[in-house]
Amino acid sequence: MRILPLLCAVLLLMLQGAAGLSLARGSPQDCERRGGFCSHGSCPPGIGRVGICSEQDFCCRRRWYP
């Protein structure tokens, strides 16, 4: 019975890692769905990076200031 809490903890850590890994690399369609655009190299000044479109392209979106 001592192994059950350890097994649950390991399973939880594995699921958290898998969830973060699936969001690491996006697509241009995913970027547009989030209201952004793909930019090669880096985002223009005043525009924040919100994700990745491909290996060289970043998903950028205008920052909103209150």
PDB file of N, CA and C in Angstrom:
ATOM      1  N   MET A   1       0.811  -1.207   0.000  1.00  0.00           N
ATOM      2  CA  MET A   1       0.000   0.000   0.000  1.00  0.00           C
ATOM      3  C   MET A   1       0.853   1.269   0.000  1.00  0.00           C
ATOM      4  N   ARG A   2       2.133   1.160   0.343  1.00  0.00           N
ATOM      5  CA  ARG A   2       2.976   2.351   0.354  1.00  0.00           C
ATOM      6  C   ARG A   2       3.324   2.815  -1.051  1.00  0.00           C
ATOM      7  N   ILE A   3       3.243   1.930  -2.031  1.00  0.00           N
ATOM      8  CA  ILE A   3       3.626   2.290  -3.390  1.00  0.00           C
ATOM      9  C   ILE A   3       2.526   3.080  -4.108  1.00  0.00           C
ATOM     10  N   LEU A   4       1.301   2.971  -3.671  1.00  0.00           N
ATOM     11  CA  LEU A   4       0.180   3.643  -4.326  1.00  0.00           C
ATOM     12  C   LEU A   4       0.331   5.175  -4.339  1.00  0.00           C
ATOM     13  N   PRO A   5       0.659   5.855  -3.227  1.00  0.00           N
ATOM     14  CA  PRO A   5       0.854   7.312  -3.292  1.00  0.00           C
ATOM     15  C   PRO A   5       2.027   7.699  -4.195  1.00  0.00           C
ATOM     16  N   LEU A   6       3.089   6.915  -4.179  1.00  0.00           N
ATOM     17  CA  LEU A   6       4.231   7.196  -5.037  1.00  0.00           C
ATOM     18  C   LEU A   6       3.849   7.039  -6.506  1.00  0.00           C
ATOM     19  N   LEU A   7       3.113   6.006  -6.823  1.00  0.00           N
ATOM     20  CA  LEU A   7       2.657   5.786  -8.188  1.00  0.00           C
ATOM     21  C   LEU A   7       1.757   6.923  -8.659  1.00  0.00           C
ATOM     22  N   CYS A   8       0.880   7.388  -7.809  1.00  0.00           N
ATOM     23  CA  CYS A   8       0.000   8.516  -8.157  1.00  0.00           C
ATOM     24  C   CYS A   8       0.803   9.794  -8.402  1.00  0.00           C
ATOM     25  N   ALA A   9       1.812  10.047  -7.580  1.00  0.00           N
ATOM     26  CA  ALA A   9       2.644  11.240  -7.755  1.00  0.00           C
ATOM     27  C   ALA A   9       3.419  11.185  -9.070  1.00  0.00           C
ATOM     28  N   VAL A  10       3.977  10.036  -9.398  1.00  0.00           N
ATOM     29  CA  VAL A  10       4.716   9.889 -10.652  1.00  0.00           C
ATOM     30  C   VAL A  10       3.779  10.061 -11.844  1.00  0.00           C
ATOM     31  N   LEU A  11       2.611   9.487 -11.781  1.00  0.00           N
ATOM     32  CA  LEU A  11       1.637   9.624 -12.855  1.00  0.00           C
ATOM     33  C   LEU A  11       1.223  11.085 -13.042  1.00  0.00           C
ATOM     34  N   LEU A  12       1.005  11.791 -11.959  1.00  0.00           N
ATOM     35  CA  LEU A  12       0.644  13.207 -12.027  1.00  0.00           C
ATOM     36  C   LEU A  12       1.755  14.029 -12.677  1.00  0.00           C
ATOM     37  N   LEU A  13       2.994  13.788 -12.301  1.00  0.00           N
ATOM     38  CA  LEU A  13       4.122  14.514 -12.897  1.00  0.00           C
ATOM     39  C   LEU A  13       4.252  14.223 -14.385  1.00  0.00           C
ATOM     40  N   MET A  14       4.022  12.991 -14.779  1.00  0.00           N
ATOM     41  CA  MET A  14       4.103  12.636 -16.195  1.00  0.00           C
ATOM     42  C   MET A  14       3.009  13.331 -16.999  1.00  0.00           C
ATOM     43  N   LEU A  15       1.809  13.398 -16.455  1.00  0.00           N
ATOM     44  CA  LEU A  15       0.708  14.054 -17.156  1.00  0.00           C
ATOM     45  C   LEU A  15       0.925  15.557 -17.272  1.00  0.00           C
ATOM     46  N   GLN A  16       1.485  16.180 -16.252  1.00  0.00           N
ATOM     47  CA  GLN A  16       1.764  17.615 -16.317  1.00  0.00           C
ATOM     48  C   GLN A  16       2.823  17.903 -17.361  1.00  0.00           C
ATOM     49  N   GLY A  17       3.855  17.094 -17.425  1.00  0.00           N
ATOM     50  CA  GLY A  17       4.905  17.280 -18.424  1.00  0.00           C
ATOM     51  C   GLY A  17       4.385  17.103 -19.833  1.00  0.00           C
ATOM     52  N   ALA A  18       3.519  16.135 -20.047  1.00  0.00           N
ATOM     53  CA  ALA A  18       2.965  15.891 -21.373  1.00  0.00           C
ATOM     54  C   ALA A  18       2.055  17.041 -21.801  1.00  0.00           C
ATOM     55  N   ALA A  19       1.325  17.628 -20.881  1.00  0.00           N
ATOM     56  CA  ALA A  19       0.442  18.741 -21.228  1.00  0.00           C
ATOM     57  C   ALA A  19       1.247  19.959 -21.654  1.00  0.00           C
ATOM     58  N   GLY A  20       2.312  20.271 -20.968  1.00  0.00           N
ATOM     59  CA  GLY A  20       3.152  21.401 -21.344  1.00  0.00           C
ATOM     60  C   GLY A  20       3.883  21.162 -22.640  1.00  0.00           C
ATOM     61  N   LEU A  21       4.262  19.935 -22.908  1.00  0.00           N
ATOM     62  CA  LEU A  21       4.999  19.602 -24.116  1.00  0.00           C
ATOM     63  C   LEU A  21       4.130  19.741 -25.348  1.00  0.00           C
ATOM     64  N   SER A  22       2.854  19.456 -25.230  1.00  0.00           N
ATOM     65  CA  SER A  22       1.985  19.527 -26.391  1.00  0.00           C
ATOM     66  C   SER A  22       1.754  20.972 -26.836  1.00  0.00           C
ATOM     67  N   LEU A  23       1.943  21.935 -25.975  1.00  0.00           N
ATOM     68  CA  LEU A  23       1.739  23.334 -26.328  1.00  0.00           C
ATOM     69  C   LEU A  23       3.027  24.034 -26.750  1.00  0.00           C
ATOM     70  N   ALA A  24       4.124  23.326 -26.777  1.00  0.00           N
ATOM     71  CA  ALA A  24       5.403  23.949 -27.055  1.00  0.00           C
ATOM     72  C   ALA A  24       5.502  24.450 -28.494  1.00  0.00           C
ATOM     73  N   ARG A  25       5.030  23.697 -29.447  1.00  0.00           N
ATOM     74  CA  ARG A  25       5.169  24.056 -30.846  1.00  0.00           C
ATOM     75  C   ARG A  25       3.789  24.227 -31.444  1.00  0.00           C
ATOM     76  N   GLY A  26       3.512  25.373 -32.026  1.00  0.00           N
ATOM     77  CA  GLY A  26       2.210  25.635 -32.601  1.00  0.00           C
ATOM     78  C   GLY A  26       2.252  25.627 -34.117  1.00  0.00           C
ATOM     79  N   SER A  27       1.192  26.085 -34.722  1.00  0.00           N
ATOM     80  CA  SER A  27       1.097  26.185 -36.170  1.00  0.00           C
ATOM     81  C   SER A  27       0.626  27.598 -36.515  1.00  0.00           C
ATOM     82  N   PRO A  28       0.802  28.009 -37.764  1.00  0.00           N
ATOM     83  CA  PRO A  28       0.289  29.336 -38.151  1.00  0.00           C
ATOM     84  C   PRO A  28      -1.212  29.476 -37.915  1.00  0.00           C
ATOM     85  N   GLN A  29      -1.970  28.394 -38.107  1.00  0.00           N
ATOM     86  CA  GLN A  29      -3.414  28.459 -37.880  1.00  0.00           C
ATOM     87  C   GLN A  29      -3.721  28.656 -36.399  1.00  0.00           C
ATOM     88  N   ASP A  30      -2.947  27.999 -35.538  1.00  0.00           N
ATOM     89  CA  ASP A  30      -3.128  28.155 -34.096  1.00  0.00           C
ATOM     90  C   ASP A  30      -2.798  29.584 -33.683  1.00  0.00           C
ATOM     91  N   CYS A  31      -1.748  30.146 -34.278  1.00  0.00           N
ATOM     92  CA  CYS A  31      -1.360  31.532 -33.965  1.00  0.00           C
ATOM     93  C   CYS A  31      -2.465  32.511 -34.372  1.00  0.00           C
ATOM     94  N   GLU A  32      -3.016  32.335 -35.565  1.00  0.00           N
ATOM     95  CA  GLU A  32      -4.093  33.221 -36.028  1.00  0.00           C
ATOM     96  C   GLU A  32      -5.336  33.072 -35.170  1.00  0.00           C
ATOM     97  N   ARG A  33      -5.615  31.854 -34.720  1.00  0.00           N
ATOM     98  CA  ARG A  33      -6.777  31.618 -33.865  1.00  0.00           C
ATOM     99  C   ARG A  33      -6.635  32.376 -32.548  1.00  0.00           C
ATOM    100  N   ARG A  34      -5.385  32.557 -32.078  1.00  0.00           N
ATOM    101  CA  ARG A  34      -5.154  33.308 -30.841  1.00  0.00           C
ATOM    102  C   ARG A  34      -5.042  34.807 -31.083  1.00  0.00           C
ATOM    103  N   GLY A  35      -5.280  35.254 -32.301  1.00  0.00           N
ATOM    104  CA  GLY A  35      -5.259  36.679 -32.597  1.00  0.00           C
ATOM    105  C   GLY A  35      -3.880  37.212 -32.918  1.00  0.00           C
ATOM    106  N   GLY A  36      -2.954  36.350 -33.306  1.00  0.00           N
ATOM    107  CA  GLY A  36      -1.588  36.776 -33.599  1.00  0.00           C
ATOM    108  C   GLY A  36      -1.226  36.582 -35.055  1.00  0.00           C
ATOM    109  N   PHE A  37       0.045  36.792 -35.352  1.00  0.00           N
ATOM    110  CA  PHE A  37       0.577  36.591 -36.696  1.00  0.00           C
ATOM    111  C   PHE A  37       1.990  36.036 -36.570  1.00  0.00           C
ATOM    112  N   CYS A  38       2.446  35.322 -37.588  1.00  0.00           N
ATOM    113  CA  CYS A  38       3.780  34.725 -37.577  1.00  0.00           C
ATOM    114  C   CYS A  38       4.792  35.738 -38.107  1.00  0.00           C
ATOM    115  N   SER A  39       5.913  35.846 -37.427  1.00  0.00           N
ATOM    116  CA  SER A  39       6.980  36.759 -37.813  1.00  0.00           C
ATOM    117  C   SER A  39       8.300  35.998 -37.836  1.00  0.00           C
ATOM    118  N   HIS A  40       9.091  36.194 -38.886  1.00  0.00           N
ATOM    119  CA  HIS A  40      10.361  35.488 -39.027  1.00  0.00           C
ATOM    120  C   HIS A  40      11.429  36.130 -38.147  1.00  0.00           C
ATOM    121  N   GLY A  41      12.126  35.332 -37.356  1.00  0.00           N
ATOM    122  CA  GLY A  41      13.241  35.826 -36.539  1.00  0.00           C
ATOM    123  C   GLY A  41      12.810  36.361 -35.195  1.00  0.00           C
ATOM    124  N   SER A  42      12.133  37.487 -35.168  1.00  0.00           N
ATOM    125  CA  SER A  42      11.682  38.080 -33.907  1.00  0.00           C
ATOM    126  C   SER A  42      10.444  38.932 -34.180  1.00  0.00           C
ATOM    127  N   CYS A  43       9.794  39.328 -33.104  1.00  0.00           N
ATOM    128  CA  CYS A  43       8.601  40.164 -33.233  1.00  0.00           C
ATOM    129  C   CYS A  43       9.009  41.630 -33.364  1.00  0.00           C
ATOM    130  N   PRO A  44       8.223  42.423 -34.087  1.00  0.00           N
ATOM    131  CA  PRO A  44       8.512  43.860 -34.206  1.00  0.00           C
ATOM    132  C   PRO A  44       8.428  44.559 -32.846  1.00  0.00           C
ATOM    133  N   PRO A  45       9.046  45.739 -32.718  1.00  0.00           N
ATOM    134  CA  PRO A  45       8.973  46.485 -31.451  1.00  0.00           C
ATOM    135  C   PRO A  45       7.523  46.793 -31.060  1.00  0.00           C
ATOM    136  N   GLY A  46       7.228  46.638 -29.790  1.00  0.00           N
ATOM    137  CA  GLY A  46       5.889  46.903 -29.286  1.00  0.00           C
ATOM    138  C   GLY A  46       4.936  45.728 -29.423  1.00  0.00           C
ATOM    139  N   ILE A  47       5.416  44.656 -30.021  1.00  0.00           N
ATOM    140  CA  ILE A  47       4.607  43.453 -30.231  1.00  0.00           C
ATOM    141  C   ILE A  47       5.213  42.346 -29.382  1.00  0.00           C
ATOM    142  N   GLY A  48       4.391  41.624 -28.644  1.00  0.00           N
ATOM    143  CA  GLY A  48       4.880  40.577 -27.758  1.00  0.00           C
ATOM    144  C   GLY A  48       4.830  39.196 -28.400  1.00  0.00           C
ATOM    145  N   ARG A  49       5.759  38.331 -28.015  1.00  0.00           N
ATOM    146  CA  ARG A  49       5.777  36.954 -28.499  1.00  0.00           C
ATOM    147  C   ARG A  49       4.851  36.123 -27.635  1.00  0.00           C
ATOM    148  N   VAL A  50       3.914  35.430 -28.258  1.00  0.00           N
ATOM    149  CA  VAL A  50       2.941  34.625 -27.518  1.00  0.00           C
ATOM    150  C   VAL A  50       3.042  33.143 -27.844  1.00  0.00           C
ATOM    151  N   GLY A  51       3.942  32.774 -28.748  1.00  0.00           N
ATOM    152  CA  GLY A  51       4.091  31.370 -29.101  1.00  0.00           C
ATOM    153  C   GLY A  51       5.093  31.173 -30.209  1.00  0.00           C
ATOM    154  N   ILE A  52       5.081  29.966 -30.783  1.00  0.00           N
ATOM    155  CA  ILE A  52       6.004  29.608 -31.849  1.00  0.00           C
ATOM    156  C   ILE A  52       5.193  29.051 -33.010  1.00  0.00           C
ATOM    157  N   CYS A  53       5.476  29.538 -34.232  1.00  0.00           N
ATOM    158  CA  CYS A  53       4.816  29.018 -35.427  1.00  0.00           C
ATOM    159  C   CYS A  53       5.627  27.885 -36.054  1.00  0.00           C
ATOM    160  N   SER A  54       6.951  28.030 -36.109  1.00  0.00           N
ATOM    161  CA  SER A  54       7.841  27.008 -36.644  1.00  0.00           C
ATOM    162  C   SER A  54       9.210  27.209 -36.001  1.00  0.00           C
ATOM    163  N   GLU A  55      10.246  26.560 -36.535  1.00  0.00           N
ATOM    164  CA  GLU A  55      11.566  26.667 -35.924  1.00  0.00           C
ATOM    165  C   GLU A  55      12.123  28.082 -35.971  1.00  0.00           C
ATOM    166  N   GLN A  56      11.841  28.832 -37.044  1.00  0.00           N
ATOM    167  CA  GLN A  56      12.367  30.197 -37.155  1.00  0.00           C
ATOM    168  C   GLN A  56      11.306  31.276 -36.982  1.00  0.00           C
ATOM    169  N   ASP A  57      10.044  30.911 -36.942  1.00  0.00           N
ATOM    170  CA  ASP A  57       8.970  31.896 -36.874  1.00  0.00           C
ATOM    171  C   ASP A  57       8.321  31.910 -35.497  1.00  0.00           C
ATOM    172  N   PHE A  58       8.072  33.121 -35.007  1.00  0.00           N
ATOM    173  CA  PHE A  58       7.408  33.295 -33.717  1.00  0.00           C
ATOM    174  C   PHE A  58       5.989  33.805 -33.943  1.00  0.00           C
ATOM    175  N   CYS A  59       5.097  33.437 -33.039  1.00  0.00           N
ATOM    176  CA  CYS A  59       3.740  33.968 -33.052  1.00  0.00           C
ATOM    177  C   CYS A  59       3.750  35.262 -32.243  1.00  0.00           C
ATOM    178  N   CYS A  60       3.366  36.354 -32.865  1.00  0.00           N
ATOM    179  CA  CYS A  60       3.412  37.674 -32.228  1.00  0.00           C
ATOM    180  C   CYS A  60       2.003  38.247 -32.128  1.00  0.00           C
ATOM    181  N   ARG A  61       1.783  39.044 -31.097  1.00  0.00           N
ATOM    182  CA  ARG A  61       0.490  39.704 -30.907  1.00  0.00           C
ATOM    183  C   ARG A  61       0.725  41.041 -30.229  1.00  0.00           C
ATOM    184  N   ARG A  62      -0.050  42.023 -30.628  1.00  0.00           N
ATOM    185  CA  ARG A  62       0.067  43.370 -30.050  1.00  0.00           C
ATOM    186  C   ARG A  62      -0.265  43.318 -28.563  1.00  0.00           C
ATOM    187  N   ARG A  63       0.522  43.994 -27.778  1.00  0.00           N
ATOM    188  CA  ARG A  63       0.276  44.076 -26.329  1.00  0.00           C
ATOM    189  C   ARG A  63      -0.780  45.124 -26.077  1.00  0.00           C
ATOM    190  N   TRP A  64      -1.659  44.810 -25.160  1.00  0.00           N
ATOM    191  CA  TRP A  64      -2.720  45.763 -24.789  1.00  0.00           C
ATOM    192  C   TRP A  64      -2.367  46.376 -23.453  1.00  0.00           C
ATOM    193  N   TYR A  65      -2.336  47.701 -23.433  1.00  0.00           N
ATOM    194  CA  TYR A  65      -2.046  48.414 -22.190  1.00  0.00           C
ATOM    195  C   TYR A  65      -3.316  49.123 -21.733  1.00  0.00           C
ATOM    196  N   PRO A  66      -3.653  49.022 -20.449  1.00  0.00           N
ATOM    197  CA  PRO A  66      -4.868  49.674 -19.940  1.00  0.00           C
ATOM    198  C   PRO A  66      -4.751  51.179 -19.894  1.00  0.00           C
TER     199      PRO A  66
END
